[in-house]
């Protein structure tokens, strides 16, 4: 991914690292562990700090579990980003988490990439993000 880690929060079962994206105005939030009612606060806070970013890619490749609370945090953040002219995409959904997104229909709401590198390689990203 390149770049340096700019912030990290790890509360028990959930870790959230904020990394610069590959393009100006982009941010990657690398999430690890379990995202549920008891652990959602660090991700919620990290997403709120990025409301002004043009694009946030949530790298879920280290996420082992996500319940409805975690899903709602991501959905609300996506709506805030859209309202502000940005976007929130997901990358690296592992089978247990991917299945939950599929069952709930949330997978069709998000742009989902195989990994963060694929998210930044997508030719359909807005031109405003730069080359």
C-alpha atoms as a PDB file:
ATOM      1  CA  UNK A   1       0.000   0.000   0.000  1.00  0.00           C
ATOM      2  CA  UNK A   2       2.857   2.388   0.631  1.00  0.00           C
ATOM      3  CA  UNK A   3       2.822   5.373   2.899  1.00  0.00           C
ATOM      4  CA  UNK A   4       3.112   5.473   6.616  1.00  0.00           C
ATOM      5  CA  UNK A   5       0.660   4.717   9.315  1.00  0.00           C
ATOM      6  CA  UNK A   6      -0.877   7.964  10.531  1.00  0.00           C
ATOM      7  CA  UNK A   7      -2.997   6.737  13.418  1.00  0.00           C
ATOM      8  CA  UNK A   8      -3.823   3.517  15.153  1.00  0.00           C
ATOM      9  CA  UNK A   9      -6.447   2.448  17.630  1.00  0.00           C
ATOM     10  CA  UNK A  10      -6.744  -1.018  19.061  1.00  0.00           C
ATOM     11  CA  UNK A  11      -9.376  -1.751  21.651  1.00  0.00           C
ATOM     12  CA  UNK A  12      -9.384  -5.384  22.583  1.00  0.00           C
ATOM     13  CA  UNK A  13     -10.800  -7.214  19.617  1.00  0.00           C
ATOM     14  CA  UNK A  14     -10.820  -4.438  16.977  1.00  0.00           C
ATOM     15  CA  UNK A  15      -7.921  -2.593  15.416  1.00  0.00           C
ATOM     16  CA  UNK A  16      -8.265   0.421  13.100  1.00  0.00           C
ATOM     17  CA  UNK A  17      -5.282   1.912  11.274  1.00  0.00           C
ATOM     18  CA  UNK A  18      -5.555   5.052   9.177  1.00  0.00           C
ATOM     19  CA  UNK A  19      -3.249   5.048   6.159  1.00  0.00           C
ATOM     20  CA  UNK A  20      -2.876   7.512   3.282  1.00  0.00           C
ATOM     21  CA  UNK A  21      -4.439   6.378   0.028  1.00  0.00           C
ATOM     22  CA  UNK A  22      -2.561   6.108  -3.230  1.00  0.00           C
ATOM     23  CA  UNK A  23      -4.177   9.249  -4.583  1.00  0.00           C
ATOM     24  CA  UNK A  24      -4.621  12.730  -3.099  1.00  0.00           C
ATOM     25  CA  UNK A  25      -7.782  13.049  -1.015  1.00  0.00           C
ATOM     26  CA  UNK A  26      -8.001   9.326  -0.330  1.00  0.00           C
ATOM     27  CA  UNK A  27      -7.631   7.393   2.890  1.00  0.00           C
ATOM     28  CA  UNK A  28      -7.465   3.698   3.741  1.00  0.00           C
ATOM     29  CA  UNK A  29      -8.864   2.449   7.020  1.00  0.00           C
ATOM     30  CA  UNK A  30      -7.408  -0.993   7.700  1.00  0.00           C
ATOM     31  CA  UNK A  31      -9.718  -2.850  10.080  1.00  0.00           C
ATOM     32  CA  UNK A  32      -8.679  -6.006  11.924  1.00  0.00           C
ATOM     33  CA  UNK A  33     -10.389  -8.284  14.406  1.00  0.00           C
ATOM     34  CA  UNK A  34     -14.081  -8.344  15.258  1.00  0.00           C
ATOM     35  CA  UNK A  35     -16.516  -5.521  14.542  1.00  0.00           C
ATOM     36  CA  UNK A  36     -19.573  -5.686  16.770  1.00  0.00           C
ATOM     37  CA  UNK A  37     -21.638  -3.694  19.255  1.00  0.00           C
ATOM     38  CA  UNK A  38     -18.856  -3.725  21.860  1.00  0.00           C
ATOM     39  CA  UNK A  39     -16.008  -2.780  19.491  1.00  0.00           C
ATOM     40  CA  UNK A  40     -17.566  -0.450  16.890  1.00  0.00           C
ATOM     41  CA  UNK A  41     -16.624   2.875  18.525  1.00  0.00           C
ATOM     42  CA  UNK A  42     -13.037   3.127  17.166  1.00  0.00           C
ATOM     43  CA  UNK A  43     -14.198   2.514  13.592  1.00  0.00           C
ATOM     44  CA  UNK A  44     -17.077   4.942  13.982  1.00  0.00           C
ATOM     45  CA  UNK A  45     -14.670   7.611  15.240  1.00  0.00           C
ATOM     46  CA  UNK A  46     -12.100   6.914  12.514  1.00  0.00           C
ATOM     47  CA  UNK A  47     -14.786   7.176   9.833  1.00  0.00           C
ATOM     48  CA  UNK A  48     -16.136  10.433  11.304  1.00  0.00           C
ATOM     49  CA  UNK A  49     -12.626  11.917  11.120  1.00  0.00           C
ATOM     50  CA  UNK A  50     -12.606  11.210   7.371  1.00  0.00           C
ATOM     51  CA  UNK A  51     -15.883  12.912   6.442  1.00  0.00           C
ATOM     52  CA  UNK A  52     -13.933  15.531   4.458  1.00  0.00           C
ATOM     53  CA  UNK A  53     -11.907  12.971   2.495  1.00  0.00           C
ATOM     54  CA  UNK A  54     -12.843  12.494  -1.131  1.00  0.00           C
ATOM     55  CA  UNK A  55     -12.695   8.733  -0.829  1.00  0.00           C
ATOM     56  CA  UNK A  56     -12.310   6.244   1.995  1.00  0.00           C
ATOM     57  CA  UNK A  57     -11.456   2.630   1.295  1.00  0.00           C
ATOM     58  CA  UNK A  58     -12.160   0.377   4.271  1.00  0.00           C
ATOM     59  CA  UNK A  59      -9.738  -2.536   4.006  1.00  0.00           C
ATOM     60  CA  UNK A  60     -11.568  -5.436   5.647  1.00  0.00           C
ATOM     61  CA  UNK A  61      -8.976  -8.104   4.834  1.00  0.00           C
ATOM     62  CA  UNK A  62      -8.131  -8.432   8.534  1.00  0.00           C
ATOM     63  CA  UNK A  63     -11.749  -8.389   9.700  1.00  0.00           C
ATOM     64  CA  UNK A  64     -12.844 -11.785  11.025  1.00  0.00           C
ATOM     65  CA  UNK A  65     -16.386 -10.870  12.083  1.00  0.00           C
ATOM     66  CA  UNK A  66     -18.946  -8.111  11.542  1.00  0.00           C
ATOM     67  CA  UNK A  67     -22.422  -7.921  13.054  1.00  0.00           C
ATOM     68  CA  UNK A  68     -25.351  -5.605  12.303  1.00  0.00           C
ATOM     69  CA  UNK A  69     -23.847  -2.820  14.423  1.00  0.00           C
ATOM     70  CA  UNK A  70     -20.694  -2.825  12.309  1.00  0.00           C
ATOM     71  CA  UNK A  71     -22.741  -2.910   9.130  1.00  0.00           C
ATOM     72  CA  UNK A  72     -24.779   0.080  10.305  1.00  0.00           C
ATOM     73  CA  UNK A  73     -21.605   2.041  11.130  1.00  0.00           C
ATOM     74  CA  UNK A  74     -20.374   1.466   7.575  1.00  0.00           C
ATOM     75  CA  UNK A  75     -23.749   2.256   5.977  1.00  0.00           C
ATOM     76  CA  UNK A  76     -24.129   5.522   7.903  1.00  0.00           C
ATOM     77  CA  UNK A  77     -20.583   6.566   7.074  1.00  0.00           C
ATOM     78  CA  UNK A  78     -21.235   5.810   3.410  1.00  0.00           C
ATOM     79  CA  UNK A  79     -24.292   8.087   3.423  1.00  0.00           C
ATOM     80  CA  UNK A  80     -22.332  10.904   5.116  1.00  0.00           C
ATOM     81  CA  UNK A  81     -19.574  10.542   2.539  1.00  0.00           C
ATOM     82  CA  UNK A  82     -22.075  10.642  -0.333  1.00  0.00           C
ATOM     83  CA  UNK A  83     -23.807  13.707   1.150  1.00  0.00           C
ATOM     84  CA  UNK A  84     -20.422  15.442   1.254  1.00  0.00           C
ATOM     85  CA  UNK A  85     -19.556  14.501  -2.336  1.00  0.00           C
ATOM     86  CA  UNK A  86     -17.224  11.650  -1.400  1.00  0.00           C
ATOM     87  CA  UNK A  87     -17.432   7.902  -1.416  1.00  0.00           C
ATOM     88  CA  UNK A  88     -16.765   4.955   0.838  1.00  0.00           C
ATOM     89  CA  UNK A  89     -15.692   1.647  -0.683  1.00  0.00           C
ATOM     90  CA  UNK A  90     -14.851  -1.714   0.834  1.00  0.00           C
ATOM     91  CA  UNK A  91     -11.953  -4.011   0.031  1.00  0.00           C
ATOM     92  CA  UNK A  92     -10.853  -7.496   1.037  1.00  0.00           C
ATOM     93  CA  UNK A  93     -14.084  -8.915   2.426  1.00  0.00           C
ATOM     94  CA  UNK A  94     -13.302 -12.347   3.859  1.00  0.00           C
ATOM     95  CA  UNK A  95     -15.894 -15.159   3.541  1.00  0.00           C
ATOM     96  CA  UNK A  96     -17.633 -14.805   6.939  1.00  0.00           C
ATOM     97  CA  UNK A  97     -17.948 -11.022   6.601  1.00  0.00           C
ATOM     98  CA  UNK A  98     -18.735 -11.174   2.881  1.00  0.00           C
ATOM     99  CA  UNK A  99     -21.539 -13.647   3.574  1.00  0.00           C
ATOM    100  CA  UNK A 100     -23.173 -11.274   6.055  1.00  0.00           C
ATOM    101  CA  UNK A 101     -22.986  -8.429   3.531  1.00  0.00           C
ATOM    102  CA  UNK A 102     -24.467 -10.715   0.875  1.00  0.00           C
ATOM    103  CA  UNK A 103     -27.326 -11.995   3.063  1.00  0.00           C
ATOM    104  CA  UNK A 104     -28.350  -8.486   4.128  1.00  0.00           C
ATOM    105  CA  UNK A 105     -28.119  -7.057   0.610  1.00  0.00           C
ATOM    106  CA  UNK A 106     -25.501  -4.533   1.742  1.00  0.00           C
ATOM    107  CA  UNK A 107     -22.983  -5.912  -0.740  1.00  0.00           C
ATOM    108  CA  UNK A 108     -24.994  -4.308  -3.542  1.00  0.00           C
ATOM    109  CA  UNK A 109     -24.870  -0.900  -1.810  1.00  0.00           C
ATOM    110  CA  UNK A 110     -21.073  -0.712  -1.547  1.00  0.00           C
ATOM    111  CA  UNK A 111     -18.448  -0.864  -4.254  1.00  0.00           C
ATOM    112  CA  UNK A 112     -16.469  -3.918  -3.115  1.00  0.00           C
ATOM    113  CA  UNK A 113     -12.936  -4.696  -4.318  1.00  0.00           C
ATOM    114  CA  UNK A 114     -10.758  -7.765  -3.932  1.00  0.00           C
ATOM    115  CA  UNK A 115      -8.182  -5.696  -2.038  1.00  0.00           C
ATOM    116  CA  UNK A 116      -7.149  -2.067  -1.493  1.00  0.00           C
ATOM    117  CA  UNK A 117      -4.755  -2.168  -4.451  1.00  0.00           C
ATOM    118  CA  UNK A 118      -7.634  -3.152  -6.747  1.00  0.00           C
ATOM    119  CA  UNK A 119      -9.723  -0.290  -5.342  1.00  0.00           C
ATOM    120  CA  UNK A 120      -7.087   2.237  -6.380  1.00  0.00           C
ATOM    121  CA  UNK A 121      -6.510   0.558  -9.737  1.00  0.00           C
ATOM    122  CA  UNK A 122     -10.211   0.836 -10.664  1.00  0.00           C
ATOM    123  CA  UNK A 123     -10.480   2.974 -13.826  1.00  0.00           C
ATOM    124  CA  UNK A 124     -14.064   3.916 -12.837  1.00  0.00           C
ATOM    125  CA  UNK A 125     -12.968   5.999  -9.860  1.00  0.00           C
ATOM    126  CA  UNK A 126     -13.738   9.696 -10.264  1.00  0.00           C
ATOM    127  CA  UNK A 127     -11.206  11.698 -12.263  1.00  0.00           C
ATOM    128  CA  UNK A 128     -11.028  14.212  -9.410  1.00  0.00           C
ATOM    129  CA  UNK A 129      -8.974  11.671  -7.478  1.00  0.00           C
ATOM    130  CA  UNK A 130      -6.060  12.238  -9.791  1.00  0.00           C
ATOM    131  CA  UNK A 131      -3.976   9.864 -11.909  1.00  0.00           C
END
